[in-house]
Each structure stands twice: as structure tokens, then as C-alpha cells.
Amino acid sequence: MHLIDGTITFRLRDEPHQRATVVSTSAGRFTTELPAGEYEVTGVSPGMNDARNPCTPADPIVALVAKETREVDVDCQVP
């Protein structure tokens, strides 16, 4: 596995216009705080096809409960 930088977007499933975007470090790490809810997670990276193809977790829907810490891996497929 090779870790790269990118931008990760969390869209609230019940209100898709509600979103949070976070930029990862050059090592591909990121942290953010979000309210409880179900989120669709996508990412893009300038190192992968000039950020034209979205990257997704194995399960693109992440359910968060209050005060929970979760780890999410967003994978980019090499074209």
C-alpha cells in the first residue's frame, strides 16, 4: 500500500448538501470531527489520474455515533 495526499469529502446521507471536506497530509493521513450520522465518503488525489477519478472506502457509507472515533481507509485504484 502506498499512502498519498488527497481531499476527502463526507456527505451526510439524509442531507446530501451537508458536507465536510478535509485535506490529508502527504502521508495520506487525516482527522476531522463530524456530528453523528451516516456519511457517504469519497476522495480524490492529484497523484491519481490528476484527481479525475474518485477514490472510495471498501464500504463508502460510514455510520458515526456521538463521541465515537473511527478509522476510515479511502482507497484509490491504479488505472
N, C-alpha and C. Protein backbone atom coordinates (compact mmCIF):
# COMPACT_ATOMS: atom_id res chain seq x y z
N MET A 1 0.86 -1.17 0.00
CA MET A 1 0.00 0.00 0.00
C MET A 1 0.91 1.23 0.00
N HIS A 2 0.53 2.21 -0.81
CA HIS A 2 1.26 3.47 -0.90
C HIS A 2 0.34 4.59 -0.46
N LEU A 3 0.72 5.35 0.56
CA LEU A 3 -0.13 6.43 1.07
C LEU A 3 0.18 7.72 0.33
N ILE A 4 -0.88 8.43 -0.09
CA ILE A 4 -0.71 9.68 -0.84
C ILE A 4 -1.65 10.75 -0.31
N ASP A 5 -1.37 11.99 -0.67
CA ASP A 5 -2.23 13.09 -0.24
C ASP A 5 -3.50 13.13 -1.07
N GLY A 6 -4.49 13.85 -0.57
CA GLY A 6 -5.74 13.99 -1.29
C GLY A 6 -6.76 14.78 -0.49
N THR A 7 -7.95 14.86 -1.03
CA THR A 7 -9.06 15.55 -0.40
C THR A 7 -10.19 14.55 -0.19
N ILE A 8 -10.69 14.47 1.03
CA ILE A 8 -11.74 13.52 1.39
C ILE A 8 -13.00 14.31 1.70
N THR A 9 -14.13 13.84 1.14
CA THR A 9 -15.41 14.51 1.36
C THR A 9 -16.37 13.55 2.05
N PHE A 10 -17.02 14.05 3.10
CA PHE A 10 -18.04 13.32 3.84
C PHE A 10 -19.37 14.02 3.58
N ARG A 11 -20.33 13.30 2.95
CA ARG A 11 -21.66 13.86 2.67
C ARG A 11 -22.67 13.16 3.56
N LEU A 12 -23.45 13.94 4.30
CA LEU A 12 -24.48 13.38 5.17
C LEU A 12 -25.55 12.74 4.29
N ARG A 13 -25.86 11.48 4.50
CA ARG A 13 -26.79 10.74 3.62
C ARG A 13 -28.17 11.35 3.58
N ASP A 14 -28.70 11.76 4.73
CA ASP A 14 -30.06 12.31 4.77
C ASP A 14 -30.15 13.74 4.24
N GLU A 15 -29.03 14.42 4.21
CA GLU A 15 -28.98 15.80 3.72
C GLU A 15 -27.71 15.96 2.88
N PRO A 16 -27.73 15.51 1.60
CA PRO A 16 -26.52 15.48 0.78
C PRO A 16 -25.84 16.84 0.60
N HIS A 17 -26.60 17.92 0.77
CA HIS A 17 -25.97 19.25 0.65
C HIS A 17 -25.10 19.57 1.87
N GLN A 18 -25.28 18.79 2.95
CA GLN A 18 -24.44 18.95 4.14
C GLN A 18 -23.19 18.10 3.95
N ARG A 19 -22.05 18.77 3.86
CA ARG A 19 -20.81 18.02 3.63
C ARG A 19 -19.66 18.64 4.39
N ALA A 20 -18.66 17.82 4.60
CA ALA A 20 -17.41 18.28 5.21
C ALA A 20 -16.28 17.77 4.32
N THR A 21 -15.30 18.63 4.11
CA THR A 21 -14.15 18.26 3.29
C THR A 21 -12.89 18.45 4.11
N VAL A 22 -11.98 17.49 3.99
CA VAL A 22 -10.72 17.56 4.74
C VAL A 22 -9.59 17.18 3.78
N VAL A 23 -8.44 17.81 3.95
CA VAL A 23 -7.27 17.52 3.14
C VAL A 23 -6.31 16.66 3.96
N SER A 24 -5.84 15.59 3.33
CA SER A 24 -4.91 14.71 4.04
C SER A 24 -3.49 15.23 3.93
N THR A 25 -2.64 14.70 4.78
CA THR A 25 -1.21 15.04 4.73
C THR A 25 -0.58 14.34 3.54
N SER A 26 0.67 14.64 3.26
CA SER A 26 1.37 13.97 2.16
C SER A 26 1.51 12.48 2.42
N ALA A 27 1.37 12.08 3.68
CA ALA A 27 1.42 10.65 4.05
C ALA A 27 0.03 10.01 4.00
N GLY A 28 -0.98 10.76 3.53
CA GLY A 28 -2.32 10.20 3.39
C GLY A 28 -3.14 10.13 4.66
N ARG A 29 -2.74 10.82 5.70
CA ARG A 29 -3.45 10.80 6.98
C ARG A 29 -4.34 12.04 7.12
N PHE A 30 -5.47 11.86 7.80
CA PHE A 30 -6.36 12.99 8.05
C PHE A 30 -7.16 12.74 9.32
N THR A 31 -7.62 13.83 9.91
CA THR A 31 -8.56 13.75 11.04
C THR A 31 -9.61 14.82 10.82
N THR A 32 -10.78 14.58 11.33
CA THR A 32 -11.87 15.56 11.29
C THR A 32 -12.88 15.20 12.36
N GLU A 33 -13.69 16.15 12.74
CA GLU A 33 -14.78 15.91 13.69
C GLU A 33 -16.09 16.15 12.96
N LEU A 34 -17.01 15.19 13.11
CA LEU A 34 -18.30 15.26 12.44
C LEU A 34 -19.40 14.94 13.43
N PRO A 35 -20.59 15.50 13.22
CA PRO A 35 -21.72 15.11 14.06
C PRO A 35 -22.14 13.68 13.74
N ALA A 36 -22.86 13.05 14.66
CA ALA A 36 -23.36 11.70 14.43
C ALA A 36 -24.22 11.67 13.17
N GLY A 37 -24.18 10.55 12.46
CA GLY A 37 -24.98 10.38 11.25
C GLY A 37 -24.33 9.39 10.32
N GLU A 38 -24.99 9.17 9.17
CA GLU A 38 -24.44 8.30 8.15
C GLU A 38 -23.87 9.16 7.03
N TYR A 39 -22.64 8.88 6.64
CA TYR A 39 -21.94 9.68 5.65
C TYR A 39 -21.50 8.83 4.47
N GLU A 40 -21.61 9.40 3.28
CA GLU A 40 -21.01 8.81 2.09
C GLU A 40 -19.62 9.43 1.97
N VAL A 41 -18.62 8.60 1.82
CA VAL A 41 -17.23 9.06 1.82
C VAL A 41 -16.63 8.86 0.43
N THR A 42 -16.01 9.93 -0.09
CA THR A 42 -15.27 9.84 -1.34
C THR A 42 -13.99 10.65 -1.19
N GLY A 43 -13.06 10.42 -2.07
CA GLY A 43 -11.82 11.18 -2.05
C GLY A 43 -11.26 11.33 -3.44
N VAL A 44 -10.38 12.28 -3.60
CA VAL A 44 -9.63 12.45 -4.85
C VAL A 44 -8.20 12.78 -4.47
N SER A 45 -7.27 12.45 -5.37
CA SER A 45 -5.87 12.75 -5.12
C SER A 45 -5.22 13.23 -6.41
N PRO A 46 -4.45 14.32 -6.32
CA PRO A 46 -3.75 14.78 -7.52
C PRO A 46 -2.74 13.75 -8.01
N GLY A 47 -2.34 12.83 -7.15
CA GLY A 47 -1.40 11.79 -7.53
C GLY A 47 -2.04 10.62 -8.25
N MET A 48 -3.36 10.63 -8.37
CA MET A 48 -4.08 9.55 -9.03
C MET A 48 -4.92 10.13 -10.17
N ASN A 49 -4.42 10.00 -11.39
CA ASN A 49 -5.15 10.45 -12.58
C ASN A 49 -5.56 11.92 -12.47
N ASP A 50 -4.66 12.75 -11.94
CA ASP A 50 -4.90 14.19 -11.79
C ASP A 50 -6.20 14.52 -11.07
N ALA A 51 -6.58 13.68 -10.11
CA ALA A 51 -7.78 13.88 -9.27
C ALA A 51 -9.07 13.79 -10.07
N ARG A 52 -9.05 13.12 -11.21
CA ARG A 52 -10.27 13.00 -12.04
C ARG A 52 -11.14 11.82 -11.63
N ASN A 53 -10.55 10.79 -11.05
CA ASN A 53 -11.33 9.61 -10.64
C ASN A 53 -11.46 9.58 -9.13
N PRO A 54 -12.69 9.40 -8.63
CA PRO A 54 -12.87 9.36 -7.18
C PRO A 54 -12.30 8.09 -6.56
N CYS A 55 -11.89 8.22 -5.34
CA CYS A 55 -11.40 7.10 -4.54
C CYS A 55 -12.46 6.83 -3.47
N THR A 56 -12.65 5.58 -3.10
CA THR A 56 -13.69 5.25 -2.12
C THR A 56 -13.19 4.22 -1.12
N PRO A 57 -13.80 4.20 0.07
CA PRO A 57 -13.52 3.11 1.00
C PRO A 57 -14.17 1.83 0.49
N ALA A 58 -13.77 0.70 1.05
CA ALA A 58 -14.41 -0.58 0.70
C ALA A 58 -15.92 -0.49 0.94
N ASP A 59 -16.32 0.15 2.02
CA ASP A 59 -17.73 0.43 2.29
C ASP A 59 -17.87 1.95 2.31
N PRO A 60 -18.44 2.54 1.24
CA PRO A 60 -18.48 4.01 1.14
C PRO A 60 -19.44 4.70 2.12
N ILE A 61 -20.23 3.91 2.88
CA ILE A 61 -21.14 4.51 3.86
C ILE A 61 -20.55 4.27 5.25
N VAL A 62 -20.33 5.37 5.97
CA VAL A 62 -19.77 5.30 7.31
C VAL A 62 -20.82 5.83 8.29
N ALA A 63 -21.19 5.03 9.28
CA ALA A 63 -22.15 5.45 10.30
C ALA A 63 -21.37 5.87 11.54
N LEU A 64 -21.63 7.08 12.00
CA LEU A 64 -20.96 7.60 13.20
C LEU A 64 -21.97 7.81 14.31
N VAL A 65 -21.58 7.47 15.52
CA VAL A 65 -22.39 7.79 16.69
C VAL A 65 -21.66 8.86 17.49
N ALA A 66 -22.38 9.51 18.37
CA ALA A 66 -21.81 10.61 19.15
C ALA A 66 -20.57 10.15 19.92
N LYS A 67 -19.54 10.99 19.91
CA LYS A 67 -18.30 10.81 20.67
C LYS A 67 -17.51 9.56 20.25
N GLU A 68 -17.72 9.11 19.03
CA GLU A 68 -17.03 7.92 18.53
C GLU A 68 -15.82 8.31 17.70
N THR A 69 -14.77 7.54 17.80
CA THR A 69 -13.60 7.70 16.94
C THR A 69 -13.59 6.54 15.96
N ARG A 70 -13.47 6.86 14.68
CA ARG A 70 -13.46 5.82 13.64
C ARG A 70 -12.24 6.00 12.76
N GLU A 71 -11.80 4.90 12.21
CA GLU A 71 -10.73 4.93 11.21
C GLU A 71 -11.35 4.57 9.87
N VAL A 72 -11.06 5.37 8.85
CA VAL A 72 -11.60 5.14 7.52
C VAL A 72 -10.43 5.11 6.54
N ASP A 73 -10.32 4.05 5.77
CA ASP A 73 -9.32 3.96 4.72
C ASP A 73 -9.99 4.27 3.38
N VAL A 74 -9.52 5.28 2.69
CA VAL A 74 -10.05 5.64 1.38
C VAL A 74 -9.03 5.14 0.36
N ASP A 75 -9.46 4.21 -0.49
CA ASP A 75 -8.54 3.56 -1.43
C ASP A 75 -8.70 4.12 -2.84
N CYS A 76 -7.59 4.38 -3.49
CA CYS A 76 -7.57 4.78 -4.88
C CYS A 76 -7.06 3.60 -5.70
N GLN A 77 -7.77 3.26 -6.75
CA GLN A 77 -7.36 2.18 -7.62
C GLN A 77 -6.45 2.73 -8.71
N VAL A 78 -5.36 2.06 -8.96
CA VAL A 78 -4.43 2.48 -10.01
C VAL A 78 -5.06 2.11 -11.36
N PRO A 79 -5.21 3.11 -12.25
CA PRO A 79 -5.82 2.80 -13.56
C PRO A 79 -4.93 1.93 -14.43
